[in-house]
Amino acid sequence: MNFNLKGAIEILERTPHTLDALLSGLSSEWLNGNEGEGTWNAAEVVDHLIDGEEKNWIPRLKFILQEGESKPFPLFDRFAHLNVSESLSLEEKLEVFKTLRMKNLAMLRGITDLEIYFEKTGLHPAFGPVRVRELISTWAVHDLTHISQISRVLANRYRTDVGPWIEYLGILKK
């Protein structure tokens, strides 16, 4: 097992800064591109991350700690952010995400002796029993997945412009 809380937090605390550095100040041509129908652009990914901070990670952790496997924790609608119309700029969304993430990490760090609960299980509505350490590991890897997704979406903008070098650009491989 590779999981440790400190290592997960190292990724989780860097994500807001990584996204800020990658996305702030980019033109709408970069921010609104996607990989085709049914895929998300960079701003939509940030919206999804915000939704997760509000409704997924810490709420599920608290639910597991309180309820164990007595009942499944509430479903998380991974697509709910697509039905919300907001007029925030991307920079404002990044700030909202950063604020929520810092609050959630403070809450995570504030759970006394969290390590003793790593093997405690809760009941996922689709997967069945899941451990606290699996939830926190997934949170960190979820961040990395979406950072990768955003990078891939940005790279896709120049897919037809790189010419024969596409052969060496793994990010553009399908």
Protein backbone atom coordinates (compact mmCIF):
# COMPACT_ATOMS: atom_id res chain seq x y z
CA MET A 1 0.00 0.00 0.00
CA ASN A 2 1.42 3.37 -1.05
CA PHE A 3 -1.22 5.59 0.58
CA ASN A 4 -0.34 8.05 3.28
CA LEU A 5 -2.29 11.14 4.21
CA LYS A 6 0.65 13.52 3.92
CA GLY A 7 1.32 12.36 0.36
CA ALA A 8 -2.32 12.77 -0.67
CA ILE A 9 -2.41 16.26 0.82
CA GLU A 10 0.73 17.18 -1.13
CA ILE A 11 -1.24 16.68 -4.35
CA LEU A 12 -4.53 18.11 -3.08
CA GLU A 13 -3.00 21.36 -1.87
CA ARG A 14 -1.14 21.92 -5.15
CA THR A 15 -4.09 21.47 -7.50
CA PRO A 16 -5.56 24.99 -7.13
CA HIS A 17 -2.15 26.56 -7.80
CA THR A 18 -1.50 24.22 -10.73
CA LEU A 19 -4.83 25.09 -12.34
CA ASP A 20 -4.30 28.79 -11.70
CA ALA A 21 -0.87 28.69 -13.36
CA LEU A 22 -2.17 26.64 -16.29
CA LEU A 23 -5.42 28.48 -16.99
CA SER A 24 -5.41 32.06 -15.67
CA GLY A 25 -5.21 34.65 -18.39
CA LEU A 26 -5.79 32.25 -21.29
CA SER A 27 -8.03 33.41 -24.10
CA SER A 28 -11.48 31.92 -24.63
CA GLU A 29 -10.13 29.95 -27.61
CA TRP A 30 -8.05 27.93 -25.15
CA LEU A 31 -10.64 27.76 -22.40
CA ASN A 32 -13.65 26.81 -24.50
CA GLY A 33 -12.07 24.07 -26.58
CA ASN A 34 -12.98 20.46 -25.91
CA GLU A 35 -12.38 17.03 -27.41
CA GLY A 36 -15.73 16.75 -29.17
CA GLU A 37 -19.36 16.17 -28.32
CA GLY A 38 -19.98 15.07 -24.76
CA THR A 39 -16.58 16.24 -23.50
CA TRP A 40 -15.73 19.11 -21.19
CA ASN A 41 -13.74 22.27 -21.75
CA ALA A 42 -11.32 23.58 -19.13
CA ALA A 43 -13.89 25.87 -17.48
CA GLU A 44 -16.35 22.99 -17.16
CA VAL A 45 -13.69 20.85 -15.50
CA VAL A 46 -13.13 23.63 -12.95
CA ASP A 47 -16.90 23.77 -12.36
CA HIS A 48 -16.86 19.99 -11.76
CA LEU A 49 -14.00 20.33 -9.28
CA ILE A 50 -15.90 23.03 -7.40
CA ASP A 51 -18.97 20.81 -7.25
CA GLY A 52 -16.86 17.98 -5.87
CA GLU A 53 -15.43 20.20 -3.16
CA GLU A 54 -18.93 21.17 -2.11
CA LYS A 55 -20.73 17.83 -2.38
CA ASN A 56 -18.33 14.91 -2.69
CA TRP A 57 -15.07 14.42 -0.83
CA ILE A 58 -15.48 15.85 2.66
CA PRO A 59 -19.24 15.17 2.85
CA ARG A 60 -18.59 11.52 1.96
CA LEU A 61 -15.71 11.28 4.43
CA LYS A 62 -17.92 12.65 7.21
CA PHE A 63 -20.70 10.27 6.19
CA ILE A 64 -18.38 7.25 6.38
CA LEU A 65 -17.06 8.32 9.77
CA GLN A 66 -20.58 8.81 11.13
CA GLU A 67 -22.56 6.06 9.40
CA GLY A 68 -20.03 3.40 8.41
CA GLU A 69 -21.81 0.83 6.25
CA SER A 70 -25.23 1.34 7.87
CA LYS A 71 -26.52 3.05 4.71
CA PRO A 72 -25.08 4.16 1.38
CA PHE A 73 -23.79 7.69 1.19
CA PRO A 74 -25.67 10.05 -1.15
CA LEU A 75 -25.04 9.85 -4.88
CA PHE A 76 -22.76 12.46 -6.41
CA ASP A 77 -23.98 13.69 -9.77
CA ARG A 78 -20.75 14.01 -11.76
CA PHE A 79 -22.55 16.06 -14.40
CA ALA A 80 -24.54 18.47 -12.20
CA HIS A 81 -22.13 21.33 -12.94
CA LEU A 82 -23.25 21.27 -16.58
CA ASN A 83 -26.75 22.40 -15.56
CA VAL A 84 -25.64 25.42 -13.55
CA SER A 85 -25.49 28.76 -15.28
CA GLU A 86 -23.04 31.11 -13.64
CA SER A 87 -21.58 34.35 -14.79
CA LEU A 88 -18.27 33.96 -12.98
CA SER A 89 -15.06 34.43 -14.91
CA LEU A 90 -12.61 31.54 -14.95
CA GLU A 91 -10.35 33.46 -12.58
CA GLU A 92 -13.26 33.84 -10.14
CA LYS A 93 -14.04 30.12 -10.44
CA LEU A 94 -10.41 29.28 -9.73
CA GLU A 95 -10.56 31.45 -6.62
CA VAL A 96 -13.77 29.73 -5.47
CA PHE A 97 -12.11 26.35 -6.01
CA LYS A 98 -8.99 27.41 -4.11
CA THR A 99 -11.04 28.72 -1.18
CA LEU A 100 -13.15 25.56 -0.97
CA ARG A 101 -10.10 23.31 -1.27
CA MET A 102 -8.21 25.11 1.49
CA LYS A 103 -11.28 24.90 3.73
CA ASN A 104 -11.65 21.18 2.99
CA LEU A 105 -7.97 20.47 3.60
CA ALA A 106 -8.17 22.32 6.92
CA MET A 107 -11.14 20.14 7.81
CA LEU A 108 -9.25 17.00 6.73
CA ARG A 109 -6.21 17.97 8.79
CA GLY A 110 -8.48 18.79 11.71
CA ILE A 111 -9.89 15.28 12.10
CA THR A 112 -8.11 14.00 15.17
CA ASP A 113 -6.28 10.70 14.62
CA LEU A 114 -7.69 10.28 11.12
CA GLU A 115 -5.10 7.55 10.52
CA ILE A 116 -6.96 5.17 12.81
CA TYR A 117 -9.97 5.43 10.48
CA PHE A 118 -8.16 4.66 7.20
CA GLU A 119 -9.62 1.14 7.06
CA LYS A 120 -13.11 2.18 8.17
CA THR A 121 -15.62 1.43 5.46
CA GLY A 122 -18.65 3.20 4.12
CA LEU A 123 -21.15 2.06 1.57
CA HIS A 124 -20.81 3.56 -1.89
CA PRO A 125 -24.14 3.48 -3.75
CA ALA A 126 -22.57 1.74 -6.79
CA PHE A 127 -19.35 0.09 -5.58
CA GLY A 128 -20.42 -1.20 -2.18
CA PRO A 129 -17.92 -1.06 0.69
CA VAL A 130 -15.13 1.51 0.30
CA ARG A 131 -12.40 2.50 2.76
CA VAL A 132 -11.56 5.99 4.00
CA ARG A 133 -8.04 5.66 2.56
CA GLU A 134 -9.55 4.72 -0.82
CA LEU A 135 -11.76 7.81 -0.78
CA ILE A 136 -8.82 10.11 0.00
CA SER A 137 -6.59 8.35 -2.56
CA THR A 138 -9.32 8.75 -5.17
CA TRP A 139 -9.62 12.44 -4.35
CA ALA A 140 -5.92 12.97 -5.11
CA VAL A 141 -5.96 10.85 -8.27
CA HIS A 142 -9.19 12.57 -9.37
CA ASP A 143 -7.30 15.88 -9.28
CA LEU A 144 -4.47 14.44 -11.37
CA THR A 145 -6.97 12.96 -13.82
CA HIS A 146 -8.56 16.34 -14.42
CA ILE A 147 -5.22 18.15 -14.66
CA SER A 148 -4.28 15.61 -17.33
CA GLN A 149 -7.66 16.07 -19.02
CA ILE A 150 -7.26 19.85 -19.15
CA SER A 151 -3.74 19.52 -20.58
CA ARG A 152 -5.02 17.10 -23.21
CA VAL A 153 -7.91 19.43 -24.13
CA LEU A 154 -5.53 22.37 -24.47
CA ALA A 155 -3.12 20.34 -26.60
CA ASN A 156 -5.99 19.20 -28.80
CA ARG A 157 -6.42 22.76 -30.03
CA TYR A 158 -3.22 22.36 -32.09
CA ARG A 159 -3.82 18.73 -33.11
CA THR A 160 -3.95 19.58 -36.83
CA ASP A 161 -1.23 22.22 -36.59
CA VAL A 162 1.66 20.10 -35.33
CA GLY A 163 1.97 18.24 -38.62
CA PRO A 164 4.12 15.12 -38.63
CA TRP A 165 5.38 15.79 -35.07
CA ILE A 166 2.08 14.34 -33.86
CA GLU A 167 3.94 11.03 -33.98
CA TYR A 168 6.01 12.13 -30.97
CA LEU A 169 3.26 13.89 -29.02
CA GLY A 170 1.69 11.24 -26.82
CA ILE A 171 -0.84 13.72 -25.44
CA LEU A 172 -2.44 13.83 -28.90
CA LYS A 173 -2.65 10.05 -29.34
CA LYS A 174 -6.15 8.62 -29.31
